[in-house]
């Protein structure tokens, strides 16, 4: 059963360690509306499109985050992705989180989109999938071609033996990618 179908109001919250709390929420629905700030919280955008939080009860200074957002107004925003995950491929800024949202519909194993150095593009986008049984790369490629345009299509797919994780199980993207590049994590299969 999808969360949207539950006979209850379900909300997703937006918070971070820097605020020691949640600063916004949105109702979980198929349309994925914006986050709305909690009382006493206002938001703005930096020159790099990152979220700036104004919450006097949390900090006397504005809190500048690494979260790229699309601002609706001073009390609502759409979360796009993390600045530190952004890929600059041939001058095109790609937000992996947007691509991952589409991929999640047909890849069941843990995965993430990242980049590798490329002499022509600067960075090329790649898909890393954790080996959790059978991964049919040909099927994944076919689905990717059907769902994404050529500019947002991963240039390569790597199936890795394992991902690096934090103590609570969160994937450590940069460490996993770097350890794959140095051979510290085994590549099981690649396209």
N, C-alpha and C. Protein backbone atom coordinates (compact mmCIF):
# COMPACT_ATOMS: atom_id res chain seq x y z
N UNK A 1 0.84 -1.18 0.00
CA UNK A 1 0.00 0.00 0.00
C UNK A 1 0.89 1.25 0.00
N UNK A 2 0.56 2.21 -0.86
CA UNK A 2 1.28 3.47 -0.91
C UNK A 2 0.86 4.35 0.26
N UNK A 3 1.78 5.16 0.75
CA UNK A 3 1.48 6.06 1.87
C UNK A 3 0.31 6.97 1.53
N UNK A 4 0.26 7.44 0.26
CA UNK A 4 -0.81 8.35 -0.15
C UNK A 4 -2.19 7.73 0.04
N UNK A 5 -2.28 6.40 0.01
CA UNK A 5 -3.57 5.71 0.10
C UNK A 5 -4.02 5.47 1.55
N UNK A 6 -3.16 5.74 2.51
CA UNK A 6 -3.53 5.52 3.91
C UNK A 6 -4.64 6.47 4.34
N UNK A 7 -5.54 6.02 5.21
CA UNK A 7 -6.63 6.88 5.68
C UNK A 7 -6.17 7.82 6.80
N UNK A 8 -5.04 8.50 6.57
CA UNK A 8 -4.49 9.41 7.57
C UNK A 8 -3.66 10.47 6.85
N UNK A 9 -3.47 11.59 7.49
CA UNK A 9 -2.57 12.61 6.96
C UNK A 9 -1.15 12.25 7.37
N UNK A 10 -0.26 12.12 6.40
CA UNK A 10 1.13 11.78 6.65
C UNK A 10 1.99 12.93 6.14
N UNK A 11 2.95 13.36 6.96
CA UNK A 11 3.78 14.50 6.61
C UNK A 11 5.25 14.10 6.58
N UNK A 12 5.98 14.71 5.66
CA UNK A 12 7.43 14.58 5.57
C UNK A 12 8.01 15.86 6.14
N UNK A 13 9.05 15.74 6.97
CA UNK A 13 9.64 16.93 7.57
C UNK A 13 11.00 17.22 6.96
N UNK A 14 11.42 18.47 7.08
CA UNK A 14 12.72 18.91 6.59
C UNK A 14 13.47 19.47 7.78
N UNK A 15 14.59 18.85 8.09
CA UNK A 15 15.39 19.30 9.22
C UNK A 15 16.85 18.94 9.00
N UNK A 16 17.68 19.41 9.88
CA UNK A 16 19.11 19.15 9.75
C UNK A 16 19.80 19.31 11.10
N UNK A 17 20.99 18.79 11.18
CA UNK A 17 21.76 18.87 12.42
C UNK A 17 21.97 20.32 12.83
N UNK A 18 22.26 21.20 11.86
CA UNK A 18 22.55 22.61 12.17
C UNK A 18 21.39 23.30 12.88
N UNK A 19 20.16 22.90 12.57
CA UNK A 19 19.00 23.53 13.20
C UNK A 19 18.55 22.77 14.44
N UNK A 20 19.12 21.60 14.67
CA UNK A 20 18.77 20.74 15.82
C UNK A 20 17.28 20.45 15.87
N UNK A 21 16.62 20.62 14.75
CA UNK A 21 15.18 20.40 14.71
C UNK A 21 14.70 20.42 13.26
N UNK A 22 13.40 20.27 13.11
CA UNK A 22 12.78 20.36 11.79
C UNK A 22 12.32 21.79 11.57
N UNK A 23 12.45 22.28 10.34
CA UNK A 23 12.08 23.67 10.06
C UNK A 23 10.92 23.79 9.09
N UNK A 24 10.56 22.68 8.43
CA UNK A 24 9.48 22.72 7.44
C UNK A 24 8.85 21.34 7.30
N UNK A 25 7.66 21.31 6.70
CA UNK A 25 7.01 20.02 6.45
C UNK A 25 6.14 20.13 5.21
N UNK A 26 5.80 18.97 4.67
CA UNK A 26 4.86 18.91 3.55
C UNK A 26 4.06 17.63 3.68
N UNK A 27 2.84 17.70 3.17
CA UNK A 27 1.98 16.53 3.18
C UNK A 27 2.47 15.55 2.13
N UNK A 28 2.55 14.28 2.49
CA UNK A 28 2.98 13.25 1.54
C UNK A 28 1.83 13.01 0.58
N UNK A 29 2.11 13.21 -0.70
CA UNK A 29 1.10 12.99 -1.74
C UNK A 29 1.79 12.68 -3.05
N UNK A 30 1.04 12.21 -4.00
CA UNK A 30 1.60 11.86 -5.31
C UNK A 30 2.13 13.09 -6.03
N UNK A 31 1.60 14.28 -5.72
CA UNK A 31 2.01 15.49 -6.44
C UNK A 31 3.28 16.13 -5.89
N UNK A 32 3.75 15.70 -4.73
CA UNK A 32 5.00 16.20 -4.15
C UNK A 32 5.04 17.73 -4.12
N UNK A 33 4.16 18.33 -3.34
CA UNK A 33 4.10 19.78 -3.21
C UNK A 33 5.31 20.33 -2.47
N UNK A 34 5.32 21.65 -2.26
CA UNK A 34 6.47 22.26 -1.59
C UNK A 34 6.46 22.00 -0.08
N UNK A 35 7.62 22.24 0.52
CA UNK A 35 7.72 22.25 1.98
C UNK A 35 7.23 23.62 2.46
N UNK A 36 6.52 23.63 3.58
CA UNK A 36 6.06 24.86 4.21
C UNK A 36 6.78 25.01 5.54
N UNK A 37 7.30 26.20 5.79
CA UNK A 37 8.06 26.42 7.03
C UNK A 37 7.14 26.38 8.24
N UNK A 38 7.73 26.01 9.35
CA UNK A 38 7.02 26.01 10.63
C UNK A 38 6.93 27.45 11.15
N UNK A 39 6.05 27.73 12.09
CA UNK A 39 5.92 29.09 12.63
C UNK A 39 7.26 29.63 13.13
N UNK A 40 7.52 30.89 12.80
CA UNK A 40 8.76 31.54 13.23
C UNK A 40 9.94 31.30 12.33
N UNK A 41 9.75 30.55 11.25
CA UNK A 41 10.85 30.24 10.33
C UNK A 41 10.54 30.87 8.97
N UNK A 42 11.52 31.56 8.41
CA UNK A 42 11.43 32.12 7.06
C UNK A 42 12.62 31.60 6.27
N UNK A 43 12.47 31.53 4.96
CA UNK A 43 13.56 31.02 4.12
C UNK A 43 13.88 32.00 3.00
N UNK A 44 15.08 31.86 2.50
CA UNK A 44 15.60 32.68 1.43
C UNK A 44 16.53 31.80 0.62
N UNK A 45 17.17 32.38 -0.38
CA UNK A 45 18.09 31.64 -1.24
C UNK A 45 19.41 32.38 -1.35
N UNK A 46 20.52 31.63 -1.33
CA UNK A 46 21.83 32.24 -1.53
C UNK A 46 22.04 32.47 -3.03
N UNK A 47 23.16 33.09 -3.39
CA UNK A 47 23.49 33.30 -4.80
C UNK A 47 23.65 31.98 -5.55
N UNK A 48 23.94 30.90 -4.81
CA UNK A 48 24.13 29.58 -5.42
C UNK A 48 22.86 28.73 -5.35
N UNK A 49 21.72 29.37 -5.09
CA UNK A 49 20.41 28.71 -5.00
C UNK A 49 20.29 27.77 -3.80
N UNK A 50 21.12 27.98 -2.79
CA UNK A 50 21.05 27.16 -1.58
C UNK A 50 20.09 27.79 -0.58
N UNK A 51 19.47 26.93 0.21
CA UNK A 51 18.50 27.36 1.21
C UNK A 51 19.19 28.15 2.32
N UNK A 52 18.61 29.31 2.64
CA UNK A 52 19.05 30.13 3.77
C UNK A 52 17.87 30.17 4.75
N UNK A 53 18.13 29.78 5.99
CA UNK A 53 17.08 29.69 7.00
C UNK A 53 17.20 30.86 7.98
N UNK A 54 16.09 31.55 8.18
CA UNK A 54 16.00 32.63 9.17
C UNK A 54 15.07 32.13 10.26
N UNK A 55 15.65 31.79 11.40
CA UNK A 55 14.88 31.26 12.53
C UNK A 55 15.48 31.80 13.82
N UNK A 56 15.04 32.98 14.25
CA UNK A 56 15.62 33.61 15.44
C UNK A 56 15.61 32.74 16.69
N UNK A 57 14.66 31.82 16.80
CA UNK A 57 14.62 30.95 17.98
C UNK A 57 15.69 29.85 17.94
N UNK A 58 16.33 29.69 16.76
CA UNK A 58 17.39 28.69 16.61
C UNK A 58 18.76 29.35 16.56
N UNK A 59 18.87 30.45 15.78
CA UNK A 59 20.14 31.13 15.60
C UNK A 59 19.90 32.62 15.32
N UNK A 60 20.76 33.46 15.87
CA UNK A 60 20.64 34.89 15.60
C UNK A 60 21.12 35.23 14.19
N UNK A 61 21.93 34.36 13.63
CA UNK A 61 22.44 34.54 12.26
C UNK A 61 21.69 33.63 11.30
N UNK A 62 21.56 34.04 10.03
CA UNK A 62 20.96 33.13 9.04
C UNK A 62 21.79 31.85 8.91
N UNK A 63 21.13 30.74 8.69
CA UNK A 63 21.81 29.46 8.51
C UNK A 63 21.82 29.15 7.01
N UNK A 64 23.02 29.11 6.43
CA UNK A 64 23.16 28.83 5.00
C UNK A 64 23.45 27.34 4.85
N UNK A 65 22.62 26.66 4.09
CA UNK A 65 22.75 25.21 3.93
C UNK A 65 23.39 24.87 2.59
N UNK A 66 23.64 23.60 2.36
CA UNK A 66 24.10 23.09 1.07
C UNK A 66 22.95 22.46 0.29
N UNK A 67 21.71 22.78 0.68
CA UNK A 67 20.54 22.24 0.01
C UNK A 67 20.08 23.19 -1.09
N UNK A 68 20.10 22.72 -2.33
CA UNK A 68 19.63 23.52 -3.45
C UNK A 68 18.11 23.46 -3.45
N UNK A 69 17.49 24.64 -3.53
CA UNK A 69 16.04 24.72 -3.48
C UNK A 69 15.51 25.62 -4.58
N UNK A 70 14.23 25.44 -4.85
CA UNK A 70 13.48 26.36 -5.70
C UNK A 70 12.52 27.06 -4.75
N UNK A 71 12.72 28.35 -4.58
CA UNK A 71 11.93 29.11 -3.63
C UNK A 71 10.56 29.45 -4.21
N UNK A 72 9.50 29.19 -3.46
CA UNK A 72 8.15 29.59 -3.86
C UNK A 72 7.88 30.98 -3.29
N UNK A 73 8.13 31.14 -2.00
CA UNK A 73 8.05 32.43 -1.30
C UNK A 73 8.85 32.30 -0.01
N UNK A 74 8.71 33.25 0.89
CA UNK A 74 9.50 33.25 2.14
C UNK A 74 9.09 32.14 3.11
N UNK A 75 8.01 31.43 2.79
CA UNK A 75 7.52 30.39 3.70
C UNK A 75 7.37 29.03 3.03
N UNK A 76 7.82 28.90 1.78
CA UNK A 76 7.71 27.58 1.12
C UNK A 76 8.77 27.42 0.03
N UNK A 77 9.16 26.15 -0.19
CA UNK A 77 10.22 25.85 -1.16
C UNK A 77 10.12 24.40 -1.61
N UNK A 78 10.71 24.15 -2.78
CA UNK A 78 10.89 22.78 -3.27
C UNK A 78 12.35 22.42 -3.06
N UNK A 79 12.59 21.26 -2.50
CA UNK A 79 13.96 20.77 -2.34
C UNK A 79 14.40 20.10 -3.63
N UNK A 80 15.55 20.52 -4.18
CA UNK A 80 16.06 19.97 -5.44
C UNK A 80 17.13 18.92 -5.19
N UNK A 81 18.08 19.21 -4.32
CA UNK A 81 19.17 18.27 -4.05
C UNK A 81 20.26 18.93 -3.24
N UNK A 82 21.33 18.20 -3.04
CA UNK A 82 22.47 18.70 -2.27
C UNK A 82 23.51 19.31 -3.21
N UNK A 83 24.02 20.47 -2.85
CA UNK A 83 25.05 21.14 -3.66
C UNK A 83 26.28 20.26 -3.82
N UNK A 84 26.65 19.55 -2.75
CA UNK A 84 27.85 18.72 -2.81
C UNK A 84 27.66 17.46 -3.65
N UNK A 85 26.43 17.14 -4.07
CA UNK A 85 26.19 16.01 -4.97
C UNK A 85 26.05 16.45 -6.42
N UNK A 86 25.91 17.75 -6.66
CA UNK A 86 25.67 18.28 -8.00
C UNK A 86 26.80 17.88 -8.95
N UNK A 87 26.42 17.50 -10.16
CA UNK A 87 27.38 17.07 -11.19
C UNK A 87 27.41 18.14 -12.28
N UNK A 88 28.61 18.56 -12.68
CA UNK A 88 28.76 19.50 -13.78
C UNK A 88 29.35 18.73 -14.95
N UNK A 89 28.48 18.33 -15.87
CA UNK A 89 28.89 17.50 -17.00
C UNK A 89 28.74 18.28 -18.30
N UNK A 90 29.86 18.68 -18.86
CA UNK A 90 29.83 19.45 -20.11
C UNK A 90 29.11 20.77 -19.95
N UNK A 91 29.19 21.37 -18.76
CA UNK A 91 28.52 22.64 -18.50
C UNK A 91 27.09 22.51 -18.03
N UNK A 92 26.53 21.31 -18.05
CA UNK A 92 25.16 21.06 -17.60
C UNK A 92 25.19 20.66 -16.12
N UNK A 93 24.46 21.39 -15.29
CA UNK A 93 24.39 21.06 -13.87
C UNK A 93 23.28 20.03 -13.67
N UNK A 94 23.67 18.87 -13.16
CA UNK A 94 22.74 17.76 -12.96
C UNK A 94 22.61 17.50 -11.46
N UNK A 95 21.37 17.37 -11.01
CA UNK A 95 21.10 17.07 -9.61
C UNK A 95 20.75 15.59 -9.50
N UNK A 96 21.67 14.77 -8.96
CA UNK A 96 21.45 13.33 -8.89
C UNK A 96 20.13 12.93 -8.24
N UNK A 97 19.69 13.67 -7.24
CA UNK A 97 18.47 13.31 -6.53
C UNK A 97 17.26 13.28 -7.47
N UNK A 98 17.22 14.17 -8.46
CA UNK A 98 16.11 14.17 -9.44
C UNK A 98 16.17 12.92 -10.32
N UNK A 99 17.37 12.53 -10.73
CA UNK A 99 17.55 11.35 -11.57
C UNK A 99 17.21 10.10 -10.75
N UNK A 100 17.66 10.06 -9.50
CA UNK A 100 17.42 8.90 -8.64
C UNK A 100 15.93 8.67 -8.40
N UNK A 101 15.17 9.74 -8.34
CA UNK A 101 13.72 9.60 -8.14
C UNK A 101 13.11 8.77 -9.27
N UNK A 102 13.55 8.98 -10.50
CA UNK A 102 13.05 8.20 -11.64
C UNK A 102 13.58 6.77 -11.62
N UNK A 103 14.86 6.62 -11.30
CA UNK A 103 15.49 5.29 -11.31
C UNK A 103 14.87 4.40 -10.24
N UNK A 104 14.45 4.99 -9.12
CA UNK A 104 13.88 4.24 -8.00
C UNK A 104 12.67 3.40 -8.42
N UNK A 105 12.01 3.77 -9.52
CA UNK A 105 10.83 3.03 -9.96
C UNK A 105 11.17 1.68 -10.60
N UNK A 106 12.44 1.48 -11.00
CA UNK A 106 12.78 0.20 -11.64
C UNK A 106 14.06 -0.45 -11.14
N UNK A 107 14.77 0.14 -10.20
CA UNK A 107 15.94 -0.51 -9.59
C UNK A 107 15.60 -0.76 -8.12
N UNK A 108 15.63 -2.01 -7.72
CA UNK A 108 15.24 -2.39 -6.36
C UNK A 108 16.40 -2.37 -5.38
N UNK A 109 17.62 -2.63 -5.85
CA UNK A 109 18.79 -2.67 -4.98
C UNK A 109 19.18 -1.24 -4.59
N UNK A 110 19.95 -1.10 -3.50
CA UNK A 110 20.48 0.22 -3.16
C UNK A 110 21.33 0.75 -4.32
N UNK A 111 21.20 2.03 -4.63
CA UNK A 111 21.94 2.63 -5.74
C UNK A 111 22.09 4.12 -5.47
N UNK A 112 22.96 4.76 -6.24
CA UNK A 112 23.01 6.22 -6.28
C UNK A 112 23.70 6.66 -7.55
N UNK A 113 23.44 7.91 -7.92
CA UNK A 113 24.02 8.52 -9.10
C UNK A 113 25.15 9.42 -8.61
N UNK A 114 26.29 9.34 -9.29
CA UNK A 114 27.44 10.16 -8.93
C UNK A 114 28.20 10.50 -10.21
N UNK A 115 29.41 10.99 -10.07
CA UNK A 115 30.20 11.33 -11.25
C UNK A 115 31.60 10.74 -11.15
N UNK A 116 32.20 10.61 -12.32
CA UNK A 116 33.60 10.23 -12.43
C UNK A 116 34.29 11.28 -13.30
N UNK A 117 35.58 11.50 -13.11
CA UNK A 117 36.28 12.46 -13.96
C UNK A 117 36.21 12.04 -15.42
N UNK A 118 36.08 13.02 -16.31
CA UNK A 118 36.02 12.75 -17.74
C UNK A 118 36.82 13.84 -18.46
N UNK A 119 37.73 13.43 -19.37
CA UNK A 119 38.60 14.39 -20.04
C UNK A 119 37.83 15.34 -20.97
N UNK A 120 36.69 14.91 -21.48
CA UNK A 120 35.91 15.74 -22.41
C UNK A 120 34.84 16.56 -21.68
N UNK A 121 34.10 15.92 -20.78
CA UNK A 121 32.96 16.57 -20.12
C UNK A 121 33.32 17.23 -18.78
N UNK A 122 34.49 16.95 -18.26
CA UNK A 122 34.84 17.40 -16.91
C UNK A 122 34.42 16.35 -15.90
N UNK A 123 33.13 16.06 -15.87
CA UNK A 123 32.57 14.98 -15.05
C UNK A 123 31.54 14.25 -15.89
N UNK A 124 31.52 12.93 -15.75
CA UNK A 124 30.46 12.17 -16.41
C UNK A 124 29.61 11.50 -15.35
N UNK A 125 28.31 11.50 -15.59
CA UNK A 125 27.39 10.91 -14.63
C UNK A 125 27.39 9.40 -14.78
N UNK A 126 27.43 8.69 -13.64
CA UNK A 126 27.40 7.23 -13.63
C UNK A 126 26.40 6.76 -12.57
N UNK A 127 25.93 5.54 -12.74
CA UNK A 127 25.02 4.91 -11.80
C UNK A 127 25.76 3.79 -11.09
N UNK A 128 25.76 3.82 -9.76
CA UNK A 128 26.37 2.75 -8.96
C UNK A 128 25.25 1.97 -8.29
N UNK A 129 25.27 0.65 -8.45
CA UNK A 129 24.27 -0.23 -7.86
C UNK A 129 24.98 -1.21 -6.95
N UNK A 130 24.44 -1.41 -5.75
CA UNK A 130 25.03 -2.37 -4.83
C UNK A 130 24.55 -3.77 -5.19
N UNK A 131 25.48 -4.70 -5.26
CA UNK A 131 25.16 -6.08 -5.62
C UNK A 131 24.34 -6.71 -4.51
N UNK A 132 23.09 -7.00 -4.81
CA UNK A 132 22.23 -7.62 -3.82
C UNK A 132 21.52 -8.80 -4.42
N UNK A 133 22.22 -9.53 -5.25
CA UNK A 133 21.59 -10.64 -5.96
C UNK A 133 21.75 -10.44 -7.45
N UNK A 134 20.66 -10.55 -8.17
CA UNK A 134 20.71 -10.43 -9.61
C UNK A 134 20.43 -9.01 -10.06
N UNK A 135 21.39 -8.41 -10.74
CA UNK A 135 21.20 -7.10 -11.35
C UNK A 135 21.31 -7.29 -12.85
N UNK A 136 20.25 -7.01 -13.57
CA UNK A 136 20.25 -7.14 -15.02
C UNK A 136 20.57 -5.78 -15.61
N UNK A 137 21.85 -5.56 -15.92
CA UNK A 137 22.29 -4.26 -16.43
C UNK A 137 21.59 -3.90 -17.73
N UNK A 138 21.36 -4.88 -18.60
CA UNK A 138 20.69 -4.61 -19.88
C UNK A 138 19.29 -4.04 -19.64
N UNK A 139 18.56 -4.62 -18.68
CA UNK A 139 17.22 -4.10 -18.35
C UNK A 139 17.30 -2.70 -17.77
N UNK A 140 18.27 -2.48 -16.90
CA UNK A 140 18.44 -1.16 -16.30
C UNK A 140 18.73 -0.13 -17.39
N UNK A 141 19.63 -0.47 -18.33
CA UNK A 141 19.96 0.44 -19.42
C UNK A 141 18.73 0.76 -20.27
N UNK A 142 17.94 -0.24 -20.57
CA UNK A 142 16.73 -0.05 -21.37
C UNK A 142 15.75 0.89 -20.66
N UNK A 143 15.54 0.66 -19.37
CA UNK A 143 14.66 1.54 -18.59
C UNK A 143 15.20 2.96 -18.53
N UNK A 144 16.52 3.10 -18.35
CA UNK A 144 17.12 4.42 -18.32
C UNK A 144 16.88 5.16 -19.63
N UNK A 145 17.08 4.47 -20.75
CA UNK A 145 16.88 5.09 -22.06
C UNK A 145 15.43 5.50 -22.28
N UNK A 146 14.49 4.74 -21.71
CA UNK A 146 13.07 5.08 -21.84
C UNK A 146 12.65 6.24 -20.94
N UNK A 147 13.32 6.42 -19.81
CA UNK A 147 12.91 7.40 -18.81
C UNK A 147 13.67 8.73 -18.86
N UNK A 148 14.90 8.70 -19.36
CA UNK A 148 15.75 9.89 -19.29
C UNK A 148 16.14 10.39 -20.67
N UNK A 149 16.40 11.69 -20.77
CA UNK A 149 16.90 12.20 -22.05
C UNK A 149 18.41 11.98 -22.11
N UNK A 150 18.99 12.18 -23.25
CA UNK A 150 20.41 11.84 -23.44
C UNK A 150 21.36 12.64 -22.54
N UNK A 151 20.95 13.83 -22.13
CA UNK A 151 21.81 14.65 -21.27
C UNK A 151 21.83 14.16 -19.83
N UNK A 152 20.78 13.46 -19.42
CA UNK A 152 20.71 12.98 -18.03
C UNK A 152 20.85 11.47 -17.94
N UNK A 153 21.29 10.86 -19.00
CA UNK A 153 21.48 9.41 -19.04
C UNK A 153 22.87 9.06 -18.49
N UNK A 154 22.96 8.21 -17.46
CA UNK A 154 24.28 7.82 -16.96
C UNK A 154 25.13 7.22 -18.08
N UNK A 155 26.39 7.63 -18.12
CA UNK A 155 27.30 7.17 -19.18
C UNK A 155 27.77 5.74 -18.93
N UNK A 156 27.77 5.31 -17.67
CA UNK A 156 28.17 3.95 -17.31
C UNK A 156 27.37 3.50 -16.10
N UNK A 157 27.26 2.18 -15.97
CA UNK A 157 26.63 1.57 -14.79
C UNK A 157 27.66 0.63 -14.17
N UNK A 158 27.84 0.74 -12.87
CA UNK A 158 28.74 -0.14 -12.14
C UNK A 158 27.96 -0.87 -11.05
N UNK A 159 28.11 -2.17 -10.99
CA UNK A 159 27.55 -2.96 -9.89
C UNK A 159 28.72 -3.23 -8.95
N UNK A 160 28.60 -2.76 -7.71
CA UNK A 160 29.68 -2.89 -6.74
C UNK A 160 29.36 -3.95 -5.70
N UNK A 161 30.41 -4.56 -5.20
CA UNK A 161 30.26 -5.59 -4.18
C UNK A 161 29.55 -5.06 -2.94
N UNK A 162 29.87 -3.82 -2.55
CA UNK A 162 29.26 -3.21 -1.36
C UNK A 162 29.41 -1.71 -1.43
N UNK A 163 28.58 -1.00 -0.66
CA UNK A 163 28.69 0.45 -0.50
C UNK A 163 29.23 0.74 0.89
N UNK A 164 29.89 1.85 1.03
CA UNK A 164 30.30 2.33 2.35
C UNK A 164 29.07 2.96 3.00
N UNK A 165 28.91 2.73 4.30
CA UNK A 165 27.75 3.25 5.02
C UNK A 165 28.16 3.83 6.37
N UNK A 166 27.32 4.73 6.85
CA UNK A 166 27.50 5.27 8.20
C UNK A 166 27.03 4.22 9.20
N UNK A 167 27.21 4.50 10.47
CA UNK A 167 26.77 3.58 11.52
C UNK A 167 25.28 3.30 11.50
N UNK A 168 24.49 4.27 10.99
CA UNK A 168 23.04 4.05 10.94
C UNK A 168 22.56 3.58 9.57
N UNK A 169 23.51 3.19 8.69
CA UNK A 169 23.14 2.57 7.42
C UNK A 169 23.03 3.49 6.23
N UNK A 170 23.26 4.79 6.41
CA UNK A 170 23.18 5.74 5.30
C UNK A 170 24.39 5.56 4.37
N UNK A 171 24.13 5.55 3.06
CA UNK A 171 25.22 5.39 2.08
C UNK A 171 26.12 6.61 2.10
N UNK A 172 27.44 6.37 2.14
CA UNK A 172 28.42 7.44 2.07
C UNK A 172 28.87 7.52 0.61
N UNK A 173 28.22 8.39 -0.15
CA UNK A 173 28.41 8.47 -1.60
C UNK A 173 29.86 8.69 -2.02
N UNK A 174 30.46 9.77 -1.52
CA UNK A 174 31.81 10.12 -1.97
C UNK A 174 32.84 9.06 -1.61
N UNK A 175 32.74 8.50 -0.42
CA UNK A 175 33.69 7.46 -0.01
C UNK A 175 33.52 6.22 -0.87
N UNK A 176 32.27 5.84 -1.17
CA UNK A 176 32.02 4.67 -2.02
C UNK A 176 32.62 4.88 -3.40
N UNK A 177 32.34 6.04 -3.99
CA UNK A 177 32.88 6.35 -5.32
C UNK A 177 34.40 6.35 -5.31
N UNK A 178 35.00 7.01 -4.33
CA UNK A 178 36.46 7.10 -4.27
C UNK A 178 37.10 5.73 -4.08
N UNK A 179 36.49 4.88 -3.24
CA UNK A 179 37.04 3.55 -3.01
C UNK A 179 36.87 2.66 -4.24
N UNK A 180 35.82 2.88 -5.02
CA UNK A 180 35.66 2.16 -6.27
C UNK A 180 36.78 2.57 -7.24
N UNK A 181 37.05 3.87 -7.30
CA UNK A 181 38.07 4.38 -8.22
C UNK A 181 39.47 3.86 -7.88
N UNK A 182 39.74 3.64 -6.59
CA UNK A 182 41.06 3.16 -6.18
C UNK A 182 41.14 1.64 -6.09
N UNK A 183 40.02 0.96 -6.37
CA UNK A 183 40.01 -0.50 -6.34
C UNK A 183 39.77 -1.10 -4.97
N UNK A 184 39.47 -0.27 -3.98
CA UNK A 184 39.23 -0.77 -2.62
C UNK A 184 37.86 -1.43 -2.49
N UNK A 185 36.94 -1.11 -3.39
CA UNK A 185 35.64 -1.77 -3.46
C UNK A 185 35.58 -2.47 -4.80
N UNK A 186 35.23 -3.75 -4.77
CA UNK A 186 35.21 -4.57 -5.97
C UNK A 186 34.06 -4.20 -6.90
N UNK A 187 34.40 -4.05 -8.20
CA UNK A 187 33.38 -3.87 -9.24
C UNK A 187 32.99 -5.26 -9.71
N UNK A 188 31.73 -5.63 -9.49
CA UNK A 188 31.24 -6.95 -9.86
C UNK A 188 30.93 -7.00 -11.35
N UNK A 189 30.36 -5.91 -11.87
CA UNK A 189 29.95 -5.85 -13.27
C UNK A 189 29.88 -4.38 -13.68
N UNK A 190 30.09 -4.11 -14.97
CA UNK A 190 29.95 -2.74 -15.45
C UNK A 190 29.51 -2.73 -16.90
N UNK A 191 28.89 -1.61 -17.29
CA UNK A 191 28.48 -1.45 -18.69
C UNK A 191 29.32 -0.38 -19.34
